Amino acid sequence: MNRETVVSEALDLLDEVGLDTVSTRRLAKRLGVEQPSLYYHFRTKKDLLAAMAEAAMAPHAHAALPKDEDDWRSWFLDNSRSFRRTLLMRRDGARLHAGSTPTGDLHRIRRKMAFLLSSGVPERQAQMAMLAAGRFTVGCVLEEQAEAEVADNGDLPDDVPTIDHEEAFEAGLALILGGLEQHTAAPDAATSP
């Protein structure tokens, strides 16, 4: 048993039972080991959850980085959509990710920020837009996954209006982008007298 196997099995357990029911005891039983043997790889459940969050984000973390010739607006939208798709790949994916620190992704975050800056987006606005889009995305997926859980349990009242979560996400994302565009000068305008 190695660290990757433990994380993989923990993510499979997450998909089966949900975040509230994932425990080191259940994971140890699933792996056919004694619970203390998990502490060889992870000192605490918090450490395990952090590793699970990092592994769950791998599809987004390995997506292509922006190229200098890319349109920053299209890239900004695509980056947020990729993040949303990745969160939706796992049951409780947004809850697992919320509050985690992307320590293995810092070089990618710096590259994304450098791309926005080189595209003419002011630094403060680029930081706030990336933060807002990330938190908005997590919030949207939290709501979507919570509603799906309630519906799966048969606890959703019949008179609750249905929401097209993708449409709502796209509308909010467009508003964030629109606000960012208001603070961003076109590269040609920034260099002209």
Protein backbone atom coordinates (compact mmCIF):
# COMPACT_ATOMS: atom_id res chain seq x y z
CA MET A 1 0.00 0.00 0.00
CA ASN A 2 1.40 3.37 -1.01
CA ARG A 3 0.23 6.95 -0.61
CA GLU A 4 -1.32 7.11 -4.10
CA THR A 5 -3.34 3.95 -3.47
CA VAL A 6 -4.65 5.33 -0.20
CA VAL A 7 -5.72 8.62 -1.85
CA SER A 8 -7.29 6.83 -4.81
CA GLU A 9 -9.30 4.53 -2.54
CA ALA A 10 -10.27 7.48 -0.36
CA LEU A 11 -11.63 9.32 -3.41
CA ASP A 12 -13.57 6.23 -4.46
CA LEU A 13 -14.97 6.03 -0.93
CA LEU A 14 -15.92 9.71 -1.16
CA ASP A 15 -17.86 9.05 -4.36
CA GLU A 16 -19.69 6.16 -2.72
CA VAL A 17 -20.60 7.58 0.69
CA GLY A 18 -20.07 11.36 0.61
CA LEU A 19 -17.71 13.58 2.55
CA ASP A 20 -19.60 13.40 5.84
CA THR A 21 -19.24 9.61 5.96
CA VAL A 22 -15.59 9.31 4.88
CA SER A 23 -13.54 8.18 7.87
CA THR A 24 -10.12 6.69 8.37
CA ARG A 25 -11.82 3.66 9.94
CA ARG A 26 -13.93 3.06 6.82
CA LEU A 27 -10.94 3.68 4.57
CA ALA A 28 -8.76 1.23 6.51
CA LYS A 29 -11.48 -1.42 6.28
CA ARG A 30 -11.78 -0.79 2.54
CA LEU A 31 -8.01 -1.20 2.14
CA GLY A 32 -7.94 -4.30 4.35
CA VAL A 33 -5.51 -2.77 6.84
CA GLU A 34 -5.59 -1.63 10.44
CA GLN A 35 -6.49 2.02 10.92
CA PRO A 36 -3.13 3.00 12.50
CA SER A 37 -1.31 1.91 9.33
CA LEU A 38 -2.88 4.87 7.52
CA TYR A 39 -0.93 7.19 9.80
CA TYR A 40 2.26 6.06 8.10
CA HIS A 41 1.10 8.04 5.04
CA PHE A 42 -1.11 10.70 6.68
CA ARG A 43 -0.63 11.95 10.23
CA THR A 44 -4.19 13.26 10.49
CA LYS A 45 -7.50 13.04 8.67
CA LYS A 46 -6.95 16.67 7.70
CA ASP A 47 -3.74 15.66 5.90
CA LEU A 48 -5.63 12.90 4.09
CA LEU A 49 -8.39 15.31 3.04
CA ALA A 50 -5.80 17.78 1.73
CA ALA A 51 -4.19 15.05 -0.37
CA MET A 52 -7.62 13.98 -1.61
CA ALA A 53 -8.45 17.58 -2.59
CA GLU A 54 -5.17 17.93 -4.48
CA ALA A 55 -5.70 14.63 -6.32
CA ALA A 56 -9.31 15.50 -7.13
CA MET A 57 -8.14 18.75 -8.73
CA ALA A 58 -5.63 16.99 -11.01
CA PRO A 59 -7.73 17.38 -14.20
CA HIS A 60 -7.81 21.16 -13.74
CA ALA A 61 -4.23 21.32 -12.44
CA HIS A 62 -2.97 19.60 -15.61
CA ALA A 63 -5.03 21.67 -18.07
CA ALA A 64 -3.00 23.62 -20.60
CA LEU A 65 -1.65 26.94 -19.36
CA PRO A 66 -2.48 30.06 -21.37
CA LYS A 67 -0.28 30.97 -24.30
CA ASP A 68 0.84 34.55 -24.94
CA GLU A 69 -1.35 34.75 -28.06
CA ASP A 70 -4.53 33.61 -26.28
CA ASP A 71 -7.37 36.06 -25.75
CA TRP A 72 -7.44 36.67 -22.00
CA ARG A 73 -11.23 36.91 -21.92
CA SER A 74 -11.73 33.51 -23.54
CA TRP A 75 -9.02 32.01 -21.37
CA PHE A 76 -10.59 33.45 -18.19
CA LEU A 77 -13.94 31.85 -19.06
CA ASP A 78 -12.37 28.53 -20.08
CA ASN A 79 -10.26 28.40 -16.90
CA SER A 80 -13.34 28.87 -14.71
CA ARG A 81 -15.30 26.30 -16.70
CA SER A 82 -12.46 23.79 -16.32
CA PHE A 83 -12.43 24.40 -12.57
CA ARG A 84 -16.21 23.83 -12.39
CA ARG A 85 -16.04 20.62 -14.43
CA THR A 86 -13.28 19.29 -12.17
CA LEU A 87 -15.22 20.06 -8.99
CA LEU A 88 -18.26 18.29 -10.42
CA MET A 89 -16.28 15.12 -11.18
CA ARG A 90 -16.36 14.05 -7.52
CA ARG A 91 -19.25 13.73 -5.11
CA ASP A 92 -18.91 16.65 -2.69
CA GLY A 93 -16.02 17.90 -4.85
CA ALA A 94 -16.66 21.53 -3.94
CA ARG A 95 -16.85 20.76 -0.22
CA LEU A 96 -13.64 18.76 -0.43
CA HIS A 97 -11.89 21.61 -2.22
CA ALA A 98 -13.27 24.49 -0.13
CA GLY A 99 -10.64 25.82 2.22
CA SER A 100 -7.82 23.75 0.74
CA THR A 101 -4.53 25.42 -0.11
CA PRO A 102 -3.22 24.77 -3.64
CA THR A 103 0.41 24.33 -2.59
CA GLY A 104 1.30 22.12 -5.56
CA ASP A 105 -0.33 24.55 -7.99
CA LEU A 106 1.42 27.81 -7.05
CA HIS A 107 3.64 27.92 -10.15
CA ARG A 108 0.54 27.51 -12.35
CA ILE A 109 -1.30 30.27 -10.48
CA ARG A 110 1.70 32.58 -10.97
CA ARG A 111 1.77 31.75 -14.69
CA LYS A 112 -1.96 32.50 -15.02
CA MET A 113 -1.50 35.81 -13.22
CA ALA A 114 1.48 36.72 -15.39
CA PHE A 115 -0.62 35.97 -18.48
CA LEU A 116 -3.40 38.30 -17.32
CA LEU A 117 -0.91 41.05 -16.49
CA SER A 118 0.82 40.73 -19.86
CA SER A 119 -2.62 40.97 -21.47
CA GLY A 120 -3.19 44.39 -19.92
CA VAL A 121 -5.21 43.43 -16.86
CA PRO A 122 -4.15 45.53 -13.85
CA GLU A 123 -2.58 43.39 -11.11
CA ARG A 124 -5.09 44.13 -8.35
CA GLN A 125 -8.06 43.52 -10.66
CA ALA A 126 -6.51 40.28 -11.95
CA GLN A 127 -6.01 39.02 -8.38
CA MET A 128 -9.53 39.95 -7.31
CA ALA A 129 -11.13 38.54 -10.49
CA MET A 130 -9.32 35.21 -10.11
CA LEU A 131 -10.32 35.07 -6.44
CA ALA A 132 -13.93 36.05 -7.20
CA ALA A 133 -14.24 33.58 -10.07
CA GLY A 134 -12.78 30.78 -7.95
CA ARG A 135 -15.05 31.43 -5.00
CA PHE A 136 -18.05 31.93 -7.25
CA THR A 137 -17.32 28.62 -8.95
CA VAL A 138 -16.95 26.74 -5.66
CA GLY A 139 -20.18 28.33 -4.39
CA CYS A 140 -22.10 27.39 -7.53
CA VAL A 141 -20.90 23.80 -7.37
CA LEU A 142 -21.63 23.60 -3.62
CA GLU A 143 -25.23 24.59 -4.34
CA GLU A 144 -25.53 22.27 -7.33
CA GLN A 145 -24.14 19.27 -5.46
CA ALA A 146 -26.24 19.98 -2.37
CA GLU A 147 -29.40 20.18 -4.48
CA ALA A 148 -28.48 16.93 -6.24
CA GLU A 149 -27.96 15.24 -2.87
CA VAL A 150 -31.37 16.41 -1.63
CA ALA A 151 -33.02 15.31 -4.88
CA ASP A 152 -31.31 11.89 -4.71
CA ASN A 153 -32.65 11.44 -1.18
CA GLY A 154 -36.16 12.31 -2.38
CA ASP A 155 -36.30 15.29 0.00
CA LEU A 156 -36.81 17.98 -2.66
CA PRO A 157 -40.35 19.40 -2.50
CA ASP A 158 -42.28 19.29 -5.76
CA ASP A 159 -42.94 23.03 -5.74
CA VAL A 160 -39.25 24.02 -5.71
CA PRO A 161 -38.37 25.64 -9.05
CA THR A 162 -35.61 23.91 -10.96
CA ILE A 163 -32.48 25.86 -11.72
CA ASP A 164 -30.36 25.39 -14.79
CA HIS A 165 -27.07 25.40 -12.91
CA GLU A 166 -24.90 25.72 -15.99
CA GLU A 167 -26.91 28.69 -17.27
CA ALA A 168 -26.74 30.38 -13.85
CA PHE A 169 -22.99 29.73 -13.67
CA GLU A 170 -22.40 31.18 -17.14
CA ALA A 171 -24.48 34.28 -16.32
CA GLY A 172 -22.52 34.96 -13.14
CA LEU A 173 -19.22 34.32 -14.85
CA ALA A 174 -20.16 36.80 -17.58
CA LEU A 175 -20.85 39.42 -14.90
CA ILE A 176 -17.44 38.87 -13.31
CA LEU A 177 -15.76 39.12 -16.71
CA GLY A 178 -17.75 42.25 -17.56
CA GLY A 179 -16.61 43.90 -14.36
CA LEU A 180 -13.02 42.95 -15.06
CA GLU A 181 -13.22 44.33 -18.60
CA GLN A 182 -14.29 47.71 -17.21
CA HIS A 183 -10.97 47.96 -15.35
CA THR A 184 -8.82 46.72 -18.19
CA ALA A 185 -7.43 48.89 -20.95
CA ALA A 186 -6.84 47.33 -24.32
CA PRO A 187 -3.08 46.79 -24.84
CA ASP A 188 -3.04 49.31 -27.72
CA ALA A 189 -4.87 51.96 -25.67
CA ALA A 190 -2.47 51.50 -22.78
CA THR A 191 0.55 52.31 -24.96
CA SER A 192 -0.94 55.16 -27.02
CA PRO A 193 -0.42 58.80 -25.94
